[in-house]
Amino acid sequence: MNLTQNYSTYTEENHNVWAILFQRQIENLPDKAIPEFFKGLELVNFQPDRIPNFEEVNKRLKPLTGFEVVAAPGIVDDALFFGLIAEKKFPATVWIRRMDQLDYLEEPDMFHDVFGHVPLLTIPVYCEFLAKLSAMALQHVDRPDIVDRLTRIYWYTIEFGLFRKPGKEARIYGAGILSSVGESRLSVSKQSIKYDFDVQHILDTGYIKETFQSQYFCIESFEQLLESLPQIEEAILKLREEPVPVA
């Protein structure tokens, strides 16, 4: 995949869309997101009024965790997606929504991919989990049913995970929530269903793409994610021994 960002092609409307979305979430998230997210924003030096230049971001990001952002045309297939991440290359969409799409998109755009994901790619233990989970998925691309189960782990952690220490209110670390003004309000509210992180529960739970999530899973630390990998692998190997489901 040799796509480039072509930064000079972004229009003023593109930059204005970024500025509106950025400011809205910066005002919305301080009492909802984990502190590490805001530290990550500073480390990668996102500007409030200009779309990030991947080349400049990578100069700051790669020395921290080895991860870098690579341009992607949109949603990529599982093998390419997990293959890139296993190599510490995070595929980010290069297009950004229009001004009339500020509140809803059918598929992720750059604001989701970059604002939501990249600040957490400054956290070493988070990145180690992400890369190892992706490497695990890559080993099973011949079994879509198993990749779907591992995608559930990715979905309920990297995309829609919450962080909750005992006796504390839930906070957001999932990129799909961080980049959504509506879901960021719902997820930490009393109206949402929140479960403690449990590998088997997540493997058995389907996810929703079209609307806000109906439930969330809460970790107590990023180390908890990393420490869950052997249990995830054991569960997946058991699935591997079962007959391949008939489509």
C-alpha atoms as a PDB file:
ATOM      1  CA  MET A   1       0.000   0.000   0.000  1.00  0.00           C
ATOM      2  CA  ASN A   2       1.797   3.090  -1.286  1.00  0.00           C
ATOM      3  CA  LEU A   3      -0.871   5.737  -0.835  1.00  0.00           C
ATOM      4  CA  THR A   4       0.368   9.139   0.348  1.00  0.00           C
ATOM      5  CA  GLN A   5      -1.475  11.851   2.236  1.00  0.00           C
ATOM      6  CA  ASN A   6      -0.931  14.584  -0.413  1.00  0.00           C
ATOM      7  CA  TYR A   7      -1.248  17.217   2.276  1.00  0.00           C
ATOM      8  CA  SER A   8      -1.268  20.173  -0.124  1.00  0.00           C
ATOM      9  CA  THR A   9      -4.580  19.033  -1.628  1.00  0.00           C
ATOM     10  CA  TYR A  10      -6.603  19.747   1.527  1.00  0.00           C
ATOM     11  CA  THR A  11      -8.930  22.709   1.122  1.00  0.00           C
ATOM     12  CA  GLU A  12      -9.745  25.409   3.636  1.00  0.00           C
ATOM     13  CA  GLU A  13     -13.097  23.704   4.197  1.00  0.00           C
ATOM     14  CA  ASN A  14     -11.215  20.494   5.056  1.00  0.00           C
ATOM     15  CA  HIS A  15      -9.116  22.352   7.626  1.00  0.00           C
ATOM     16  CA  ASN A  16     -12.199  24.158   8.954  1.00  0.00           C
ATOM     17  CA  VAL A  17     -13.986  20.830   9.465  1.00  0.00           C
ATOM     18  CA  TRP A  18     -10.999  19.558  11.449  1.00  0.00           C
ATOM     19  CA  ALA A  19     -10.984  22.769  13.504  1.00  0.00           C
ATOM     20  CA  ILE A  20     -14.691  22.506  14.369  1.00  0.00           C
ATOM     21  CA  LEU A  21     -14.495  18.836  15.317  1.00  0.00           C
ATOM     22  CA  PHE A  22     -11.248  19.309  17.248  1.00  0.00           C
ATOM     23  CA  GLN A  23     -12.536  22.251  19.286  1.00  0.00           C
ATOM     24  CA  ARG A  24     -15.827  20.520  20.029  1.00  0.00           C
ATOM     25  CA  GLN A  25     -14.113  17.460  21.464  1.00  0.00           C
ATOM     26  CA  ILE A  26     -11.455  19.439  23.319  1.00  0.00           C
ATOM     27  CA  GLU A  27     -14.291  21.212  25.139  1.00  0.00           C
ATOM     28  CA  ASN A  28     -16.317  18.014  25.586  1.00  0.00           C
ATOM     29  CA  LEU A  29     -13.719  15.491  26.763  1.00  0.00           C
ATOM     30  CA  PRO A  30     -11.841  16.908  29.798  1.00  0.00           C
ATOM     31  CA  ASP A  31     -14.187  15.256  32.319  1.00  0.00           C
ATOM     32  CA  LYS A  32     -14.705  12.136  30.195  1.00  0.00           C
ATOM     33  CA  ALA A  33     -11.395  10.968  28.677  1.00  0.00           C
ATOM     34  CA  ILE A  34      -8.350   9.484  30.376  1.00  0.00           C
ATOM     35  CA  PRO A  35      -5.483  11.946  31.077  1.00  0.00           C
ATOM     36  CA  GLU A  36      -3.139   9.937  28.842  1.00  0.00           C
ATOM     37  CA  PHE A  37      -5.198  10.988  25.835  1.00  0.00           C
ATOM     38  CA  PHE A  38      -4.532  14.678  26.447  1.00  0.00           C
ATOM     39  CA  LYS A  39      -0.868  14.003  27.116  1.00  0.00           C
ATOM     40  CA  GLY A  40      -0.755  12.139  23.805  1.00  0.00           C
ATOM     41  CA  LEU A  41      -2.317  15.094  21.999  1.00  0.00           C
ATOM     42  CA  GLU A  42       0.511  17.268  23.289  1.00  0.00           C
ATOM     43  CA  LEU A  43       3.203  14.744  22.399  1.00  0.00           C
ATOM     44  CA  VAL A  44       2.102  14.483  18.754  1.00  0.00           C
ATOM     45  CA  ASN A  45       1.528  18.257  18.633  1.00  0.00           C
ATOM     46  CA  PHE A  46      -1.860  18.325  16.908  1.00  0.00           C
ATOM     47  CA  GLN A  47      -2.848  21.830  15.882  1.00  0.00           C
ATOM     48  CA  PRO A  48      -6.439  22.935  16.570  1.00  0.00           C
ATOM     49  CA  ASP A  49      -6.940  24.626  13.207  1.00  0.00           C
ATOM     50  CA  ARG A  50      -4.991  22.443  10.739  1.00  0.00           C
ATOM     51  CA  ILE A  51      -5.263  18.804   9.684  1.00  0.00           C
ATOM     52  CA  PRO A  52      -2.226  16.891  10.993  1.00  0.00           C
ATOM     53  CA  ASN A  53       0.530  16.184   8.499  1.00  0.00           C
ATOM     54  CA  PHE A  54       1.370  12.482   8.854  1.00  0.00           C
ATOM     55  CA  GLU A  55       5.037  13.082   8.094  1.00  0.00           C
ATOM     56  CA  GLU A  56       5.327  15.608  10.918  1.00  0.00           C
ATOM     57  CA  VAL A  57       3.295  13.443  13.299  1.00  0.00           C
ATOM     58  CA  ASN A  58       5.560  10.455  12.673  1.00  0.00           C
ATOM     59  CA  LYS A  59       8.670  12.447  13.571  1.00  0.00           C
ATOM     60  CA  ARG A  60       7.214  12.770  17.073  1.00  0.00           C
ATOM     61  CA  LEU A  61       5.361   9.475  17.346  1.00  0.00           C
ATOM     62  CA  LYS A  62       7.846   6.876  16.097  1.00  0.00           C
ATOM     63  CA  PRO A  63      10.586   7.606  18.671  1.00  0.00           C
ATOM     64  CA  LEU A  64       8.045   7.101  21.471  1.00  0.00           C
ATOM     65  CA  THR A  65       6.640   3.650  20.636  1.00  0.00           C
ATOM     66  CA  GLY A  66       7.894   2.628  17.199  1.00  0.00           C
ATOM     67  CA  PHE A  67       4.443   3.220  15.691  1.00  0.00           C
ATOM     68  CA  GLU A  68       3.886   5.418  12.660  1.00  0.00           C
ATOM     69  CA  VAL A  69       0.804   6.560  10.764  1.00  0.00           C
ATOM     70  CA  VAL A  70       0.439   5.416   7.152  1.00  0.00           C
ATOM     71  CA  ALA A  71      -2.098   6.714   4.653  1.00  0.00           C
ATOM     72  CA  ALA A  72      -4.995   4.412   3.745  1.00  0.00           C
ATOM     73  CA  PRO A  73      -7.781   4.852   1.158  1.00  0.00           C
ATOM     74  CA  GLY A  74     -10.500   3.948   3.661  1.00  0.00           C
ATOM     75  CA  ILE A  75     -11.503   0.635   5.232  1.00  0.00           C
ATOM     76  CA  VAL A  76      -8.955  -2.040   4.307  1.00  0.00           C
ATOM     77  CA  ASP A  77      -9.348  -5.822   4.467  1.00  0.00           C
ATOM     78  CA  ASP A  78      -8.498  -7.729   7.624  1.00  0.00           C
ATOM     79  CA  ALA A  79      -5.207  -9.187   6.400  1.00  0.00           C
ATOM     80  CA  LEU A  80      -3.815  -5.812   5.369  1.00  0.00           C
ATOM     81  CA  PHE A  81      -5.179  -4.028   8.436  1.00  0.00           C
ATOM     82  CA  PHE A  82      -3.788  -6.445  11.003  1.00  0.00           C
ATOM     83  CA  GLY A  83      -0.608  -6.943   8.983  1.00  0.00           C
ATOM     84  CA  LEU A  84       0.172  -3.240   9.049  1.00  0.00           C
ATOM     85  CA  ILE A  85      -0.546  -2.859  12.747  1.00  0.00           C
ATOM     86  CA  ALA A  86       1.531  -5.916  13.601  1.00  0.00           C
ATOM     87  CA  GLU A  87       4.390  -4.020  11.909  1.00  0.00           C
ATOM     88  CA  LYS A  88       3.555  -0.926  13.980  1.00  0.00           C
ATOM     89  CA  LYS A  89       2.078   0.942  11.032  1.00  0.00           C
ATOM     90  CA  PHE A  90      -1.345   2.391  11.820  1.00  0.00           C
ATOM     91  CA  PRO A  91      -3.503   2.847   8.675  1.00  0.00           C
ATOM     92  CA  ALA A  92      -5.318   6.187   8.763  1.00  0.00           C
ATOM     93  CA  THR A  93      -7.834   7.416   6.228  1.00  0.00           C
ATOM     94  CA  VAL A  94      -6.709  10.513   4.330  1.00  0.00           C
ATOM     95  CA  TRP A  95     -10.165  11.957   3.602  1.00  0.00           C
ATOM     96  CA  ILE A  96     -12.161  14.051   6.042  1.00  0.00           C
ATOM     97  CA  ARG A  97     -15.918  14.494   6.248  1.00  0.00           C
ATOM     98  CA  ARG A  98     -17.773  17.419   4.684  1.00  0.00           C
ATOM     99  CA  MET A  99     -19.222  20.311   6.654  1.00  0.00           C
ATOM    100  CA  ASP A 100     -22.716  18.779   6.323  1.00  0.00           C
ATOM    101  CA  GLN A 101     -21.466  15.496   7.832  1.00  0.00           C
ATOM    102  CA  LEU A 102     -20.154  16.805  11.141  1.00  0.00           C
ATOM    103  CA  ASP A 103     -22.347  14.576  13.296  1.00  0.00           C
ATOM    104  CA  TYR A 104     -22.721  11.341  11.331  1.00  0.00           C
ATOM    105  CA  LEU A 105     -20.674   9.216   8.961  1.00  0.00           C
ATOM    106  CA  GLU A 106     -21.261   5.691   7.690  1.00  0.00           C
ATOM    107  CA  GLU A 107     -17.543   4.871   7.791  1.00  0.00           C
ATOM    108  CA  PRO A 108     -14.579   6.287   9.715  1.00  0.00           C
ATOM    109  CA  ASP A 109     -12.834   9.361   8.330  1.00  0.00           C
ATOM    110  CA  MET A 110      -9.527  10.987   9.212  1.00  0.00           C
ATOM    111  CA  PHE A 111     -10.863  12.724  12.292  1.00  0.00           C
ATOM    112  CA  HIS A 112     -11.787   9.380  13.814  1.00  0.00           C
ATOM    113  CA  ASP A 113      -8.587   7.649  12.712  1.00  0.00           C
ATOM    114  CA  VAL A 114      -6.193  10.436  13.645  1.00  0.00           C
ATOM    115  CA  PHE A 115      -7.773  12.362  16.531  1.00  0.00           C
ATOM    116  CA  GLY A 116      -9.196   9.222  18.129  1.00  0.00           C
ATOM    117  CA  HIS A 117      -6.354   6.748  17.664  1.00  0.00           C
ATOM    118  CA  VAL A 118      -3.013   8.523  17.313  1.00  0.00           C
ATOM    119  CA  PRO A 119      -2.705  10.165  20.783  1.00  0.00           C
ATOM    120  CA  LEU A 120      -2.915   6.728  22.428  1.00  0.00           C
ATOM    121  CA  LEU A 121      -0.220   5.379  20.112  1.00  0.00           C
ATOM    122  CA  THR A 122       2.177   7.306  22.373  1.00  0.00           C
ATOM    123  CA  ILE A 123       1.561   4.763  25.197  1.00  0.00           C
ATOM    124  CA  PRO A 124       4.063   1.853  25.038  1.00  0.00           C
ATOM    125  CA  VAL A 125       2.006  -0.815  26.836  1.00  0.00           C
ATOM    126  CA  TYR A 126      -1.100   0.033  24.800  1.00  0.00           C
ATOM    127  CA  CYS A 127       0.927  -0.243  21.593  1.00  0.00           C
ATOM    128  CA  GLU A 128       2.417  -3.574  22.637  1.00  0.00           C
ATOM    129  CA  PHE A 129      -1.074  -4.991  23.191  1.00  0.00           C
ATOM    130  CA  LEU A 130      -2.306  -3.593  19.882  1.00  0.00           C
ATOM    131  CA  ALA A 131       0.609  -4.997  17.870  1.00  0.00           C
ATOM    132  CA  LYS A 132       0.468  -8.439  19.525  1.00  0.00           C
ATOM    133  CA  LEU A 133      -3.317  -8.708  19.151  1.00  0.00           C
ATOM    134  CA  SER A 134      -2.947  -7.849  15.470  1.00  0.00           C
ATOM    135  CA  ALA A 135      -0.164 -10.407  15.001  1.00  0.00           C
ATOM    136  CA  MET A 136      -2.463 -13.007  16.576  1.00  0.00           C
ATOM    137  CA  ALA A 137      -5.273 -12.115  14.170  1.00  0.00           C
ATOM    138  CA  LEU A 138      -2.877 -12.324  11.243  1.00  0.00           C
ATOM    139  CA  GLN A 139      -2.194 -15.970  12.078  1.00  0.00           C
ATOM    140  CA  HIS A 140      -5.869 -16.816  11.558  1.00  0.00           C
ATOM    141  CA  VAL A 141      -6.856 -14.884   8.422  1.00  0.00           C
ATOM    142  CA  ASP A 142      -7.853 -18.210   6.842  1.00  0.00           C
ATOM    143  CA  ARG A 143     -10.623 -18.447   9.436  1.00  0.00           C
ATOM    144  CA  PRO A 144     -12.980 -15.455   9.146  1.00  0.00           C
ATOM    145  CA  ASP A 145     -14.963 -16.706  12.149  1.00  0.00           C
ATOM    146  CA  ILE A 146     -11.865 -16.481  14.359  1.00  0.00           C
ATOM    147  CA  VAL A 147     -10.843 -13.101  12.947  1.00  0.00           C
ATOM    148  CA  ASP A 148     -14.350 -11.908  13.794  1.00  0.00           C
ATOM    149  CA  ARG A 149     -13.868 -12.985  17.425  1.00  0.00           C
ATOM    150  CA  LEU A 150     -10.524 -11.175  17.637  1.00  0.00           C
ATOM    151  CA  THR A 151     -12.125  -8.147  16.028  1.00  0.00           C
ATOM    152  CA  ARG A 152     -14.551  -8.152  18.963  1.00  0.00           C
ATOM    153  CA  ILE A 153     -11.571  -7.774  21.321  1.00  0.00           C
ATOM    154  CA  TYR A 154     -10.252  -4.909  19.193  1.00  0.00           C
ATOM    155  CA  TRP A 155     -13.701  -3.330  19.002  1.00  0.00           C
ATOM    156  CA  TYR A 156     -14.450  -3.367  22.725  1.00  0.00           C
ATOM    157  CA  THR A 157     -10.968  -2.146  23.689  1.00  0.00           C
ATOM    158  CA  ILE A 158      -9.152  -0.076  21.065  1.00  0.00           C
ATOM    159  CA  GLU A 159     -12.331   1.330  19.497  1.00  0.00           C
ATOM    160  CA  PHE A 160     -14.908   1.452  22.287  1.00  0.00           C
ATOM    161  CA  GLY A 161     -13.099   0.714  25.525  1.00  0.00           C
ATOM    162  CA  LEU A 162     -13.636   2.443  28.853  1.00  0.00           C
ATOM    163  CA  PHE A 163     -11.191   2.797  31.740  1.00  0.00           C
ATOM    164  CA  ARG A 164     -12.548   2.432  35.275  1.00  0.00           C
ATOM    165  CA  LYS A 165     -10.542   2.124  38.454  1.00  0.00           C
ATOM    166  CA  PRO A 166     -12.309   0.761  41.571  1.00  0.00           C
ATOM    167  CA  GLY A 167     -14.493   3.424  43.126  1.00  0.00           C
ATOM    168  CA  LYS A 168     -13.943   5.843  40.254  1.00  0.00           C
ATOM    169  CA  GLU A 169     -16.110   7.053  37.394  1.00  0.00           C
ATOM    170  CA  ALA A 170     -15.552   5.502  33.973  1.00  0.00           C
ATOM    171  CA  ARG A 171     -13.305   7.348  31.529  1.00  0.00           C
ATOM    172  CA  ILE A 172     -12.857   6.929  27.779  1.00  0.00           C
ATOM    173  CA  TYR A 173      -9.877   5.502  25.929  1.00  0.00           C
ATOM    174  CA  GLY A 174     -11.592   3.959  22.882  1.00  0.00           C
ATOM    175  CA  ALA A 175     -10.991   5.923  19.678  1.00  0.00           C
ATOM    176  CA  GLY A 176     -14.525   5.465  18.380  1.00  0.00           C
ATOM    177  CA  ILE A 177     -15.822   7.203  21.495  1.00  0.00           C
ATOM    178  CA  LEU A 178     -13.123   9.891  21.706  1.00  0.00           C
ATOM    179  CA  SER A 179     -13.962  11.088  18.191  1.00  0.00           C
ATOM    180  CA  SER A 180     -17.761  11.115  18.695  1.00  0.00           C
ATOM    181  CA  VAL A 181     -19.426  13.911  20.605  1.00  0.00           C
ATOM    182  CA  GLY A 182     -22.620  11.905  21.093  1.00  0.00           C
ATOM    183  CA  GLU A 183     -21.066   8.597  22.106  1.00  0.00           C
ATOM    184  CA  SER A 184     -18.547  10.266  24.394  1.00  0.00           C
ATOM    185  CA  ARG A 185     -21.480  11.654  26.383  1.00  0.00           C
ATOM    186  CA  LEU A 186     -23.466   8.415  26.373  1.00  0.00           C
ATOM    187  CA  SER A 187     -20.649   6.005  27.193  1.00  0.00           C
ATOM    188  CA  VAL A 188     -19.698   7.483  30.579  1.00  0.00           C
ATOM    189  CA  SER A 189     -23.256   8.375  31.583  1.00  0.00           C
ATOM    190  CA  LYS A 190     -25.440   6.395  33.965  1.00  0.00           C
ATOM    191  CA  GLN A 191     -27.569   5.369  30.980  1.00  0.00           C
ATOM    192  CA  SER A 192     -24.935   3.077  29.478  1.00  0.00           C
ATOM    193  CA  ILE A 193     -24.335  -0.557  30.436  1.00  0.00           C
ATOM    194  CA  LYS A 194     -20.774  -1.089  31.622  1.00  0.00           C
ATOM    195  CA  TYR A 195     -19.135  -4.448  32.289  1.00  0.00           C
ATOM    196  CA  ASP A 196     -15.762  -5.231  33.770  1.00  0.00           C
ATOM    197  CA  PHE A 197     -13.251  -6.429  31.182  1.00  0.00           C
ATOM    198  CA  ASP A 198     -13.716 -10.156  30.601  1.00  0.00           C
ATOM    199  CA  VAL A 199     -12.128 -11.954  27.645  1.00  0.00           C
ATOM    200  CA  GLN A 200     -14.735 -14.684  27.202  1.00  0.00           C
ATOM    201  CA  HIS A 201     -17.620 -12.240  27.631  1.00  0.00           C
ATOM    202  CA  ILE A 202     -16.183 -10.048  24.872  1.00  0.00           C
ATOM    203  CA  LEU A 203     -15.461 -12.997  22.567  1.00  0.00           C
ATOM    204  CA  ASP A 204     -19.118 -14.006  22.923  1.00  0.00           C
ATOM    205  CA  THR A 205     -20.499 -10.482  22.351  1.00  0.00           C
ATOM    206  CA  GLY A 206     -21.264  -9.111  18.896  1.00  0.00           C
ATOM    207  CA  TYR A 207     -20.826  -5.425  18.170  1.00  0.00           C
ATOM    208  CA  ILE A 208     -22.780  -2.623  16.502  1.00  0.00           C
ATOM    209  CA  LYS A 209     -21.465  -0.522  13.629  1.00  0.00           C
ATOM    210  CA  GLU A 210     -24.507   1.513  12.629  1.00  0.00           C
ATOM    211  CA  THR A 211     -25.409   3.209  15.930  1.00  0.00           C
ATOM    212  CA  PHE A 212     -23.981   3.901  19.386  1.00  0.00           C
ATOM    213  CA  GLN A 213     -22.901   0.827  21.328  1.00  0.00           C
ATOM    214  CA  SER A 214     -25.417  -0.773  23.698  1.00  0.00           C
ATOM    215  CA  GLN A 215     -22.721  -1.871  26.152  1.00  0.00           C
ATOM    216  CA  TYR A 216     -19.108  -1.177  27.063  1.00  0.00           C
ATOM    217  CA  PHE A 217     -16.274  -3.037  28.782  1.00  0.00           C
ATOM    218  CA  CYS A 218     -14.024  -1.361  31.353  1.00  0.00           C
ATOM    219  CA  ILE A 219     -10.357  -2.044  32.034  1.00  0.00           C
ATOM    220  CA  GLU A 220      -8.521  -0.971  35.195  1.00  0.00           C
ATOM    221  CA  SER A 221      -5.137  -0.509  33.497  1.00  0.00           C
ATOM    222  CA  PHE A 222      -3.473  -0.921  30.113  1.00  0.00           C
ATOM    223  CA  GLU A 223      -1.352  -3.668  31.672  1.00  0.00           C
ATOM    224  CA  GLN A 224      -4.586  -5.607  32.093  1.00  0.00           C
ATOM    225  CA  LEU A 225      -4.970  -5.667  28.310  1.00  0.00           C
ATOM    226  CA  LEU A 226      -1.448  -6.922  27.784  1.00  0.00           C
ATOM    227  CA  GLU A 227      -1.833  -9.564  30.474  1.00  0.00           C
ATOM    228  CA  SER A 228      -5.038 -10.824  28.815  1.00  0.00           C
ATOM    229  CA  LEU A 229      -3.256 -11.931  25.627  1.00  0.00           C
ATOM    230  CA  PRO A 230      -2.463 -15.496  26.803  1.00  0.00           C
ATOM    231  CA  GLN A 231      -6.116 -16.009  27.751  1.00  0.00           C
ATOM    232  CA  ILE A 232      -7.237 -14.639  24.381  1.00  0.00           C
ATOM    233  CA  GLU A 233      -4.814 -16.945  22.577  1.00  0.00           C
ATOM    234  CA  GLU A 234      -5.972 -19.981  24.569  1.00  0.00           C
ATOM    235  CA  ALA A 235      -9.618 -19.250  23.739  1.00  0.00           C
ATOM    236  CA  ILE A 236      -8.813 -18.769  20.064  1.00  0.00           C
ATOM    237  CA  LEU A 237      -6.838 -22.023  19.849  1.00  0.00           C
ATOM    238  CA  LYS A 238      -9.871 -23.862  21.261  1.00  0.00           C
ATOM    239  CA  LEU A 239     -12.009 -22.298  18.534  1.00  0.00           C
ATOM    240  CA  ARG A 240      -9.392 -23.351  16.002  1.00  0.00           C
ATOM    241  CA  GLU A 241      -9.933 -26.984  16.986  1.00  0.00           C
ATOM    242  CA  GLU A 242     -13.649 -26.759  16.265  1.00  0.00           C
ATOM    243  CA  PRO A 243     -15.058 -27.477  12.788  1.00  0.00           C
ATOM    244  CA  VAL A 244     -15.108 -24.522  10.397  1.00  0.00           C
ATOM    245  CA  PRO A 245     -18.636 -22.992  10.435  1.00  0.00           C
ATOM    246  CA  VAL A 246     -20.633 -23.461   7.232  1.00  0.00           C
ATOM    247  CA  ALA A 247     -21.583 -20.109   5.673  1.00  0.00           C
END
